[in-house]
Amino acid sequence: MAKSFSNQYIFTFAFVMVVIVATGLSLGFSVLKPYQDENRRIEKIQYILKAAGIPSEKKEATRVYSDHLIAEWILDPVTGEPVSVYQSDGTYLKGDRRAFDIDMKKLLAARKAFNEGKSKDNPGIPLFVMRSDKGDTLYVIPVWGRGLWGPVWGNIAFGTDRNSITGATFDHQGETPGLGAEINKDFFSDQFKGKKLMGPDDTFQSVKVIKGGVKNLPAEKQPYNVDGISGGTITSDGVSNMLLDCIRYYEPFMKKAR
């Protein structure tokens, strides 16, 4: 009898503790989520600004973004024309959706479903029209892909020729320190400046991350390649695939500058 009472007490105590811990975790998540969401929003803003060559501190990022934003466009991937235009003053010139609110992982999944004929929805693609510190108009494309251990992402900026890259940012969730994790270093992203997205025959080329050194390539291939990270082959391949998979949908938009 005493043993049965003891077991019942243990089970009751364990159950109560599980409920308390679960409730505490749920409450903690609810309290912290708005702060986490805000941090992600600011981080996203800073990635866009950095790709456009615009420095910003965390506490000033939202203001700086507003000051330099011309408009957020959502493009029709077939025509390259904007179907929704959100302006820096908070109004819509066209449509009713913000490019900033697009989740690139979900967008790529939706585009894959459309391309495979599993969905009739042909989703629009996000583009950020920014004004640099020098007054130049820049276009920023967000990109998302897979590295060795998890997602990699970034932004590519190019000028009004809709071809020459002016800046890039990359980051990762869990690539190997000292190897693939180096994609978020300036020495890697700075290589993309001046690279080309469109070939001389007016076809989309993208930019590849390669082993062996760009300087060893023929001159005509050098504008479309950057040096890979030593020991980070899979991450480098992931960045190459990410750029190809994401930016190819902007080819109709890029050709409009021709």
C-alpha atoms as a PDB file:
ATOM      1  CA  MET A   1       0.000   0.000   0.000  1.00  0.00           C
ATOM      2  CA  ALA A   2       2.799   2.358   0.943  1.00  0.00           C
ATOM      3  CA  LYS A   3       4.662   1.491  -2.237  1.00  0.00           C
ATOM      4  CA  SER A   4       1.565   2.200  -4.357  1.00  0.00           C
ATOM      5  CA  PHE A   5       1.117   5.559  -2.661  1.00  0.00           C
ATOM      6  CA  SER A   6       4.785   6.348  -3.252  1.00  0.00           C
ATOM      7  CA  ASN A   7       4.515   5.537  -6.975  1.00  0.00           C
ATOM      8  CA  GLN A   8       1.343   7.589  -7.311  1.00  0.00           C
ATOM      9  CA  TYR A   9       3.048  10.550  -5.653  1.00  0.00           C
ATOM     10  CA  ILE A  10       6.040  10.281  -8.001  1.00  0.00           C
ATOM     11  CA  PHE A  11       3.839  10.125 -11.099  1.00  0.00           C
ATOM     12  CA  THR A  12       1.703  13.043  -9.901  1.00  0.00           C
ATOM     13  CA  PHE A  13       4.761  15.120  -9.085  1.00  0.00           C
ATOM     14  CA  ALA A  14       6.334  14.345 -12.470  1.00  0.00           C
ATOM     15  CA  PHE A  15       3.119  15.245 -14.296  1.00  0.00           C
ATOM     16  CA  VAL A  16       2.774  18.539 -12.447  1.00  0.00           C
ATOM     17  CA  MET A  17       6.412  19.418 -13.182  1.00  0.00           C
ATOM     18  CA  VAL A  18       5.978  18.653 -16.885  1.00  0.00           C
ATOM     19  CA  VAL A  19       2.913  20.915 -17.024  1.00  0.00           C
ATOM     20  CA  ILE A  20       4.739  23.713 -15.205  1.00  0.00           C
ATOM     21  CA  VAL A  21       7.810  23.490 -17.445  1.00  0.00           C
ATOM     22  CA  ALA A  22       5.702  23.301 -20.641  1.00  0.00           C
ATOM     23  CA  THR A  23       3.642  26.285 -19.528  1.00  0.00           C
ATOM     24  CA  GLY A  24       6.779  28.237 -18.684  1.00  0.00           C
ATOM     25  CA  LEU A  25       8.370  27.472 -22.035  1.00  0.00           C
ATOM     26  CA  SER A  26       5.194  28.404 -23.896  1.00  0.00           C
ATOM     27  CA  LEU A  27       4.898  31.662 -21.960  1.00  0.00           C
ATOM     28  CA  GLY A  28       8.566  32.440 -22.507  1.00  0.00           C
ATOM     29  CA  PHE A  29       8.205  31.850 -26.242  1.00  0.00           C
ATOM     30  CA  SER A  30       5.170  34.125 -26.405  1.00  0.00           C
ATOM     31  CA  VAL A  31       6.985  36.893 -24.539  1.00  0.00           C
ATOM     32  CA  LEU A  32      10.235  36.615 -26.528  1.00  0.00           C
ATOM     33  CA  LYS A  33       8.762  36.074 -30.007  1.00  0.00           C
ATOM     34  CA  PRO A  34       8.042  39.777 -30.730  1.00  0.00           C
ATOM     35  CA  TYR A  35      11.645  40.625 -29.833  1.00  0.00           C
ATOM     36  CA  GLN A  36      12.977  37.781 -31.981  1.00  0.00           C
ATOM     37  CA  ASP A  37      10.808  38.853 -34.910  1.00  0.00           C
ATOM     38  CA  GLU A  38      12.013  42.444 -34.560  1.00  0.00           C
ATOM     39  CA  ASN A  39      15.652  41.332 -34.471  1.00  0.00           C
ATOM     40  CA  ARG A  40      15.126  39.281 -37.637  1.00  0.00           C
ATOM     41  CA  ARG A  41      13.456  42.246 -39.327  1.00  0.00           C
ATOM     42  CA  ILE A  42      16.336  44.570 -38.504  1.00  0.00           C
ATOM     43  CA  GLU A  43      18.891  41.974 -39.536  1.00  0.00           C
ATOM     44  CA  LYS A  44      17.130  41.604 -42.899  1.00  0.00           C
ATOM     45  CA  ILE A  45      17.204  45.376 -43.350  1.00  0.00           C
ATOM     46  CA  GLN A  46      20.919  45.514 -42.574  1.00  0.00           C
ATOM     47  CA  TYR A  47      21.682  42.764 -45.098  1.00  0.00           C
ATOM     48  CA  ILE A  48      19.877  44.736 -47.823  1.00  0.00           C
ATOM     49  CA  LEU A  49      21.626  47.972 -46.884  1.00  0.00           C
ATOM     50  CA  LYS A  50      25.065  46.372 -46.759  1.00  0.00           C
ATOM     51  CA  ALA A  51      24.601  44.819 -50.206  1.00  0.00           C
ATOM     52  CA  ALA A  52      23.783  48.316 -51.474  1.00  0.00           C
ATOM     53  CA  GLY A  53      26.949  49.664 -49.820  1.00  0.00           C
ATOM     54  CA  ILE A  54      25.033  51.593 -47.172  1.00  0.00           C
ATOM     55  CA  PRO A  55      26.429  51.240 -43.624  1.00  0.00           C
ATOM     56  CA  SER A  56      23.993  51.127 -40.711  1.00  0.00           C
ATOM     57  CA  GLU A  57      23.940  50.521 -36.987  1.00  0.00           C
ATOM     58  CA  LYS A  58      21.225  48.295 -35.564  1.00  0.00           C
ATOM     59  CA  LYS A  59      19.404  51.097 -33.745  1.00  0.00           C
ATOM     60  CA  GLU A  60      19.378  53.288 -36.874  1.00  0.00           C
ATOM     61  CA  ALA A  61      18.747  50.571 -39.479  1.00  0.00           C
ATOM     62  CA  THR A  62      15.012  51.189 -39.943  1.00  0.00           C
ATOM     63  CA  ARG A  63      15.500  54.948 -40.460  1.00  0.00           C
ATOM     64  CA  VAL A  64      18.442  54.449 -42.813  1.00  0.00           C
ATOM     65  CA  TYR A  65      16.441  51.923 -44.821  1.00  0.00           C
ATOM     66  CA  SER A  66      13.541  54.344 -45.149  1.00  0.00           C
ATOM     67  CA  ASP A  67      15.897  57.149 -46.187  1.00  0.00           C
ATOM     68  CA  HIS A  68      17.512  55.068 -48.943  1.00  0.00           C
ATOM     69  CA  LEU A  69      14.550  53.029 -50.123  1.00  0.00           C
ATOM     70  CA  ILE A  70      13.014  54.145 -53.396  1.00  0.00           C
ATOM     71  CA  ALA A  71      10.500  51.303 -53.600  1.00  0.00           C
ATOM     72  CA  GLU A  72       9.914  47.618 -52.981  1.00  0.00           C
ATOM     73  CA  TRP A  73       8.781  45.820 -56.121  1.00  0.00           C
ATOM     74  CA  ILE A  74       7.211  42.428 -56.630  1.00  0.00           C
ATOM     75  CA  LEU A  75       7.907  41.425 -60.220  1.00  0.00           C
ATOM     76  CA  ASP A  76       6.040  39.202 -62.606  1.00  0.00           C
ATOM     77  CA  PRO A  77       8.743  36.593 -63.425  1.00  0.00           C
ATOM     78  CA  VAL A  78       7.461  36.249 -67.000  1.00  0.00           C
ATOM     79  CA  THR A  79       7.354  39.901 -68.038  1.00  0.00           C
ATOM     80  CA  GLY A  80       9.758  41.428 -65.512  1.00  0.00           C
ATOM     81  CA  GLU A  81       7.171  44.118 -64.781  1.00  0.00           C
ATOM     82  CA  PRO A  82       6.240  45.144 -61.221  1.00  0.00           C
ATOM     83  CA  VAL A  83       2.843  43.871 -60.090  1.00  0.00           C
ATOM     84  CA  SER A  84       3.091  45.483 -56.659  1.00  0.00           C
ATOM     85  CA  VAL A  85       4.989  48.645 -55.719  1.00  0.00           C
ATOM     86  CA  TYR A  86       5.441  49.738 -52.111  1.00  0.00           C
ATOM     87  CA  GLN A  87       6.952  53.208 -51.693  1.00  0.00           C
ATOM     88  CA  SER A  88       9.189  54.532 -48.936  1.00  0.00           C
ATOM     89  CA  ASP A  89       6.395  56.757 -47.610  1.00  0.00           C
ATOM     90  CA  GLY A  90       4.352  53.675 -46.743  1.00  0.00           C
ATOM     91  CA  THR A  91       1.910  53.913 -49.653  1.00  0.00           C
ATOM     92  CA  TYR A  92       1.299  51.557 -52.564  1.00  0.00           C
ATOM     93  CA  LEU A  93       1.706  52.840 -56.105  1.00  0.00           C
ATOM     94  CA  LYS A  94       0.466  49.485 -57.352  1.00  0.00           C
ATOM     95  CA  GLY A  95      -0.835  46.286 -55.762  1.00  0.00           C
ATOM     96  CA  ASP A  96      -1.016  45.690 -52.023  1.00  0.00           C
ATOM     97  CA  ARG A  97       1.962  43.487 -51.094  1.00  0.00           C
ATOM     98  CA  ARG A  98       5.446  44.301 -49.845  1.00  0.00           C
ATOM     99  CA  ALA A  99       8.541  42.593 -51.210  1.00  0.00           C
ATOM    100  CA  PHE A 100       9.974  42.784 -47.687  1.00  0.00           C
ATOM    101  CA  ASP A 101       7.315  40.380 -46.416  1.00  0.00           C
ATOM    102  CA  ILE A 102       8.220  37.610 -48.872  1.00  0.00           C
ATOM    103  CA  ASP A 103       9.845  34.543 -47.310  1.00  0.00           C
ATOM    104  CA  MET A 104      12.403  33.345 -49.866  1.00  0.00           C
ATOM    105  CA  LYS A 105      12.320  29.719 -48.706  1.00  0.00           C
ATOM    106  CA  LYS A 106       8.542  29.570 -49.165  1.00  0.00           C
ATOM    107  CA  LEU A 107       8.755  31.475 -52.441  1.00  0.00           C
ATOM    108  CA  LEU A 108      11.235  29.018 -53.947  1.00  0.00           C
ATOM    109  CA  ALA A 109       9.064  26.102 -52.857  1.00  0.00           C
ATOM    110  CA  ALA A 110       6.062  27.762 -54.507  1.00  0.00           C
ATOM    111  CA  ARG A 111       8.046  28.427 -57.680  1.00  0.00           C
ATOM    112  CA  LYS A 112       9.178  24.792 -57.778  1.00  0.00           C
ATOM    113  CA  ALA A 113       5.576  23.619 -57.431  1.00  0.00           C
ATOM    114  CA  PHE A 114       4.559  25.924 -60.306  1.00  0.00           C
ATOM    115  CA  ASN A 115       7.427  24.805 -62.545  1.00  0.00           C
ATOM    116  CA  GLU A 116       6.545  21.150 -61.927  1.00  0.00           C
ATOM    117  CA  GLY A 117       2.905  21.771 -62.773  1.00  0.00           C
ATOM    118  CA  LYS A 118       1.750  21.068 -59.207  1.00  0.00           C
ATOM    119  CA  SER A 119       0.366  24.590 -58.756  1.00  0.00           C
ATOM    120  CA  LYS A 120      -1.278  27.144 -61.034  1.00  0.00           C
ATOM    121  CA  ASP A 121       0.027  30.029 -58.940  1.00  0.00           C
ATOM    122  CA  ASN A 122       3.007  31.745 -60.588  1.00  0.00           C
ATOM    123  CA  PRO A 123       4.326  33.735 -57.606  1.00  0.00           C
ATOM    124  CA  GLY A 124       5.976  37.129 -57.975  1.00  0.00           C
ATOM    125  CA  ILE A 125       9.606  37.750 -57.045  1.00  0.00           C
ATOM    126  CA  PRO A 126      10.929  40.477 -54.705  1.00  0.00           C
ATOM    127  CA  LEU A 127      13.184  43.360 -55.707  1.00  0.00           C
ATOM    128  CA  PHE A 128      14.396  46.311 -53.635  1.00  0.00           C
ATOM    129  CA  VAL A 129      15.073  49.594 -55.435  1.00  0.00           C
ATOM    130  CA  MET A 130      17.572  51.549 -53.361  1.00  0.00           C
ATOM    131  CA  ARG A 131      19.358  54.900 -53.567  1.00  0.00           C
ATOM    132  CA  SER A 132      23.048  54.696 -52.711  1.00  0.00           C
ATOM    133  CA  ASP A 133      24.923  57.312 -50.689  1.00  0.00           C
ATOM    134  CA  LYS A 134      26.133  58.697 -54.031  1.00  0.00           C
ATOM    135  CA  GLY A 135      22.587  58.994 -55.344  1.00  0.00           C
ATOM    136  CA  ASP A 136      22.825  56.034 -57.719  1.00  0.00           C
ATOM    137  CA  THR A 137      19.851  53.716 -58.205  1.00  0.00           C
ATOM    138  CA  LEU A 138      20.613  50.136 -57.213  1.00  0.00           C
ATOM    139  CA  TYR A 139      18.543  46.960 -57.398  1.00  0.00           C
ATOM    140  CA  VAL A 140      18.858  44.396 -54.603  1.00  0.00           C
ATOM    141  CA  ILE A 141      17.778  40.762 -54.972  1.00  0.00           C
ATOM    142  CA  PRO A 142      17.418  38.482 -51.923  1.00  0.00           C
ATOM    143  CA  VAL A 143      18.693  34.916 -52.363  1.00  0.00           C
ATOM    144  CA  TRP A 144      18.246  31.715 -50.342  1.00  0.00           C
ATOM    145  CA  GLY A 145      19.695  28.207 -50.635  1.00  0.00           C
ATOM    146  CA  ARG A 146      21.280  25.240 -48.891  1.00  0.00           C
ATOM    147  CA  GLY A 147      24.827  24.861 -47.627  1.00  0.00           C
ATOM    148  CA  LEU A 148      26.521  21.884 -45.995  1.00  0.00           C
ATOM    149  CA  TRP A 149      24.674  21.901 -42.663  1.00  0.00           C
ATOM    150  CA  GLY A 150      21.740  24.215 -43.200  1.00  0.00           C
ATOM    151  CA  PRO A 151      20.393  27.229 -45.080  1.00  0.00           C
ATOM    152  CA  VAL A 152      22.532  29.953 -46.579  1.00  0.00           C
ATOM    153  CA  TRP A 153      21.171  33.284 -47.739  1.00  0.00           C
ATOM    154  CA  GLY A 154      22.154  36.739 -48.886  1.00  0.00           C
ATOM    155  CA  ASN A 155      21.528  39.703 -51.161  1.00  0.00           C
ATOM    156  CA  ILE A 156      22.952  40.720 -54.533  1.00  0.00           C
ATOM    157  CA  ALA A 157      22.959  44.366 -55.640  1.00  0.00           C
ATOM    158  CA  PHE A 158      23.454  45.579 -59.205  1.00  0.00           C
ATOM    159  CA  GLY A 159      23.290  48.862 -61.045  1.00  0.00           C
ATOM    160  CA  THR A 160      21.004  50.403 -63.625  1.00  0.00           C
ATOM    161  CA  ASP A 161      22.625  48.351 -66.399  1.00  0.00           C
ATOM    162  CA  ARG A 162      20.858  45.448 -64.619  1.00  0.00           C
ATOM    163  CA  ASN A 163      23.967  43.366 -65.041  1.00  0.00           C
ATOM    164  CA  SER A 164      27.048  44.518 -63.100  1.00  0.00           C
ATOM    165  CA  ILE A 165      27.106  43.488 -59.439  1.00  0.00           C
ATOM    166  CA  THR A 166      27.889  46.371 -57.098  1.00  0.00           C
ATOM    167  CA  GLY A 167      27.708  44.542 -53.763  1.00  0.00           C
ATOM    168  CA  ALA A 168      26.776  41.307 -52.027  1.00  0.00           C
ATOM    169  CA  THR A 169      26.105  39.928 -48.569  1.00  0.00           C
ATOM    170  CA  PHE A 170      25.947  36.311 -47.431  1.00  0.00           C
ATOM    171  CA  ASP A 171      25.287  34.479 -44.195  1.00  0.00           C
ATOM    172  CA  HIS A 172      24.531  30.993 -42.946  1.00  0.00           C
ATOM    173  CA  GLN A 173      22.837  29.080 -40.167  1.00  0.00           C
ATOM    174  CA  GLY A 174      25.472  26.500 -39.301  1.00  0.00           C
ATOM    175  CA  GLU A 175      28.343  26.110 -41.745  1.00  0.00           C
ATOM    176  CA  THR A 176      31.689  24.819 -40.485  1.00  0.00           C
ATOM    177  CA  PRO A 177      33.719  27.495 -38.629  1.00  0.00           C
ATOM    178  CA  GLY A 178      36.860  28.453 -40.520  1.00  0.00           C
ATOM    179  CA  LEU A 179      35.576  26.782 -43.694  1.00  0.00           C
ATOM    180  CA  GLY A 180      32.100  27.271 -45.178  1.00  0.00           C
ATOM    181  CA  ALA A 181      31.233  29.764 -42.452  1.00  0.00           C
ATOM    182  CA  GLU A 182      33.633  32.192 -44.140  1.00  0.00           C
ATOM    183  CA  ILE A 183      30.961  33.146 -46.682  1.00  0.00           C
ATOM    184  CA  ASN A 184      29.847  35.928 -44.324  1.00  0.00           C
ATOM    185  CA  LYS A 185      33.293  37.552 -44.426  1.00  0.00           C
ATOM    186  CA  ASP A 186      34.003  40.638 -46.522  1.00  0.00           C
ATOM    187  CA  PHE A 187      36.909  38.984 -48.336  1.00  0.00           C
ATOM    188  CA  PHE A 188      34.418  36.555 -49.890  1.00  0.00           C
ATOM    189  CA  SER A 189      31.529  38.910 -50.662  1.00  0.00           C
ATOM    190  CA  ASP A 190      33.844  41.648 -51.999  1.00  0.00           C
ATOM    191  CA  GLN A 191      34.845  39.327 -54.857  1.00  0.00           C
ATOM    192  CA  PHE A 192      31.388  39.714 -56.378  1.00  0.00           C
ATOM    193  CA  LYS A 193      31.761  43.434 -57.038  1.00  0.00           C
ATOM    194  CA  GLY A 194      32.121  44.016 -60.749  1.00  0.00           C
ATOM    195  CA  LYS A 195      31.018  40.512 -61.737  1.00  0.00           C
ATOM    196  CA  LYS A 196      28.379  40.110 -64.433  1.00  0.00           C
ATOM    197  CA  LEU A 197      25.027  38.343 -64.423  1.00  0.00           C
ATOM    198  CA  MET A 198      24.281  38.519 -68.159  1.00  0.00           C
ATOM    199  CA  GLY A 199      26.541  37.255 -70.932  1.00  0.00           C
ATOM    200  CA  PRO A 200      27.534  39.127 -74.097  1.00  0.00           C
ATOM    201  CA  ASP A 201      24.912  37.128 -75.997  1.00  0.00           C
ATOM    202  CA  ASP A 202      22.229  38.574 -73.674  1.00  0.00           C
ATOM    203  CA  THR A 203      21.635  35.329 -71.771  1.00  0.00           C
ATOM    204  CA  PHE A 204      21.662  34.870 -68.015  1.00  0.00           C
ATOM    205  CA  GLN A 205      24.994  33.523 -66.734  1.00  0.00           C
ATOM    206  CA  SER A 206      24.843  33.918 -62.929  1.00  0.00           C
ATOM    207  CA  VAL A 207      28.094  33.816 -60.929  1.00  0.00           C
ATOM    208  CA  LYS A 208      29.790  30.571 -59.894  1.00  0.00           C
ATOM    209  CA  VAL A 209      32.001  29.960 -56.877  1.00  0.00           C
ATOM    210  CA  ILE A 210      34.841  27.776 -58.130  1.00  0.00           C
ATOM    211  CA  LYS A 211      37.970  25.985 -56.942  1.00  0.00           C
ATOM    212  CA  GLY A 212      41.344  26.610 -58.471  1.00  0.00           C
ATOM    213  CA  GLY A 213      41.313  30.397 -58.735  1.00  0.00           C
ATOM    214  CA  VAL A 214      39.528  32.713 -61.141  1.00  0.00           C
ATOM    215  CA  LYS A 215      42.863  34.065 -62.417  1.00  0.00           C
ATOM    216  CA  ASN A 216      43.516  30.687 -64.024  1.00  0.00           C
ATOM    217  CA  LEU A 217      40.370  30.901 -66.148  1.00  0.00           C
ATOM    218  CA  PRO A 218      40.235  32.310 -69.687  1.00  0.00           C
ATOM    219  CA  ALA A 219      39.577  36.059 -69.653  1.00  0.00           C
ATOM    220  CA  GLU A 220      36.073  35.682 -71.093  1.00  0.00           C
ATOM    221  CA  LYS A 221      34.996  33.469 -68.169  1.00  0.00           C
ATOM    222  CA  GLN A 222      36.433  35.530 -65.323  1.00  0.00           C
ATOM    223  CA  PRO A 223      33.487  38.002 -65.064  1.00  0.00           C
ATOM    224  CA  TYR A 224      31.162  35.107 -64.136  1.00  0.00           C
ATOM    225  CA  ASN A 225      33.232  33.372 -61.449  1.00  0.00           C
ATOM    226  CA  VAL A 226      34.695  34.030 -57.994  1.00  0.00           C
ATOM    227  CA  ASP A 227      37.190  32.073 -55.906  1.00  0.00           C
ATOM    228  CA  GLY A 228      35.792  29.387 -53.630  1.00  0.00           C
ATOM    229  CA  ILE A 229      36.630  29.006 -49.961  1.00  0.00           C
ATOM    230  CA  SER A 230      39.425  26.567 -49.197  1.00  0.00           C
ATOM    231  CA  GLY A 231      37.951  23.482 -47.542  1.00  0.00           C
ATOM    232  CA  GLY A 232      34.392  24.727 -48.030  1.00  0.00           C
ATOM    233  CA  THR A 233      33.558  23.048 -51.330  1.00  0.00           C
ATOM    234  CA  ILE A 234      29.995  22.034 -50.479  1.00  0.00           C
ATOM    235  CA  THR A 235      29.161  25.484 -49.100  1.00  0.00           C
ATOM    236  CA  SER A 236      30.713  27.097 -52.185  1.00  0.00           C
ATOM    237  CA  ASP A 237      28.590  24.853 -54.411  1.00  0.00           C
ATOM    238  CA  GLY A 238      25.564  25.798 -52.308  1.00  0.00           C
ATOM    239  CA  VAL A 239      26.208  29.490 -52.937  1.00  0.00           C
ATOM    240  CA  SER A 240      26.581  28.849 -56.686  1.00  0.00           C
ATOM    241  CA  ASN A 241      23.310  26.906 -56.775  1.00  0.00           C
ATOM    242  CA  MET A 242      21.580  29.555 -54.669  1.00  0.00           C
ATOM    243  CA  LEU A 243      22.554  32.348 -57.050  1.00  0.00           C
ATOM    244  CA  LEU A 244      21.499  30.367 -60.102  1.00  0.00           C
ATOM    245  CA  ASP A 245      18.200  29.187 -58.610  1.00  0.00           C
ATOM    246  CA  CYS A 246      17.157  32.610 -57.337  1.00  0.00           C
ATOM    247  CA  ILE A 247      18.473  35.136 -59.831  1.00  0.00           C
ATOM    248  CA  ARG A 248      17.483  33.294 -63.031  1.00  0.00           C
ATOM    249  CA  TYR A 249      13.875  34.394 -62.500  1.00  0.00           C
ATOM    250  CA  TYR A 250      14.985  38.010 -62.927  1.00  0.00           C
ATOM    251  CA  GLU A 251      16.267  37.499 -66.480  1.00  0.00           C
ATOM    252  CA  PRO A 252      13.223  39.220 -68.096  1.00  0.00           C
ATOM    253  CA  PHE A 253      13.751  42.218 -65.795  1.00  0.00           C
ATOM    254  CA  MET A 254      17.476  42.364 -66.581  1.00  0.00           C
ATOM    255  CA  LYS A 255      16.890  42.216 -70.324  1.00  0.00           C
ATOM    256  CA  LYS A 256      14.787  45.379 -70.154  1.00  0.00           C
ATOM    257  CA  ALA A 257      18.010  47.366 -69.805  1.00  0.00           C
ATOM    258  CA  ARG A 258      19.257  46.041 -73.161  1.00  0.00           C
END
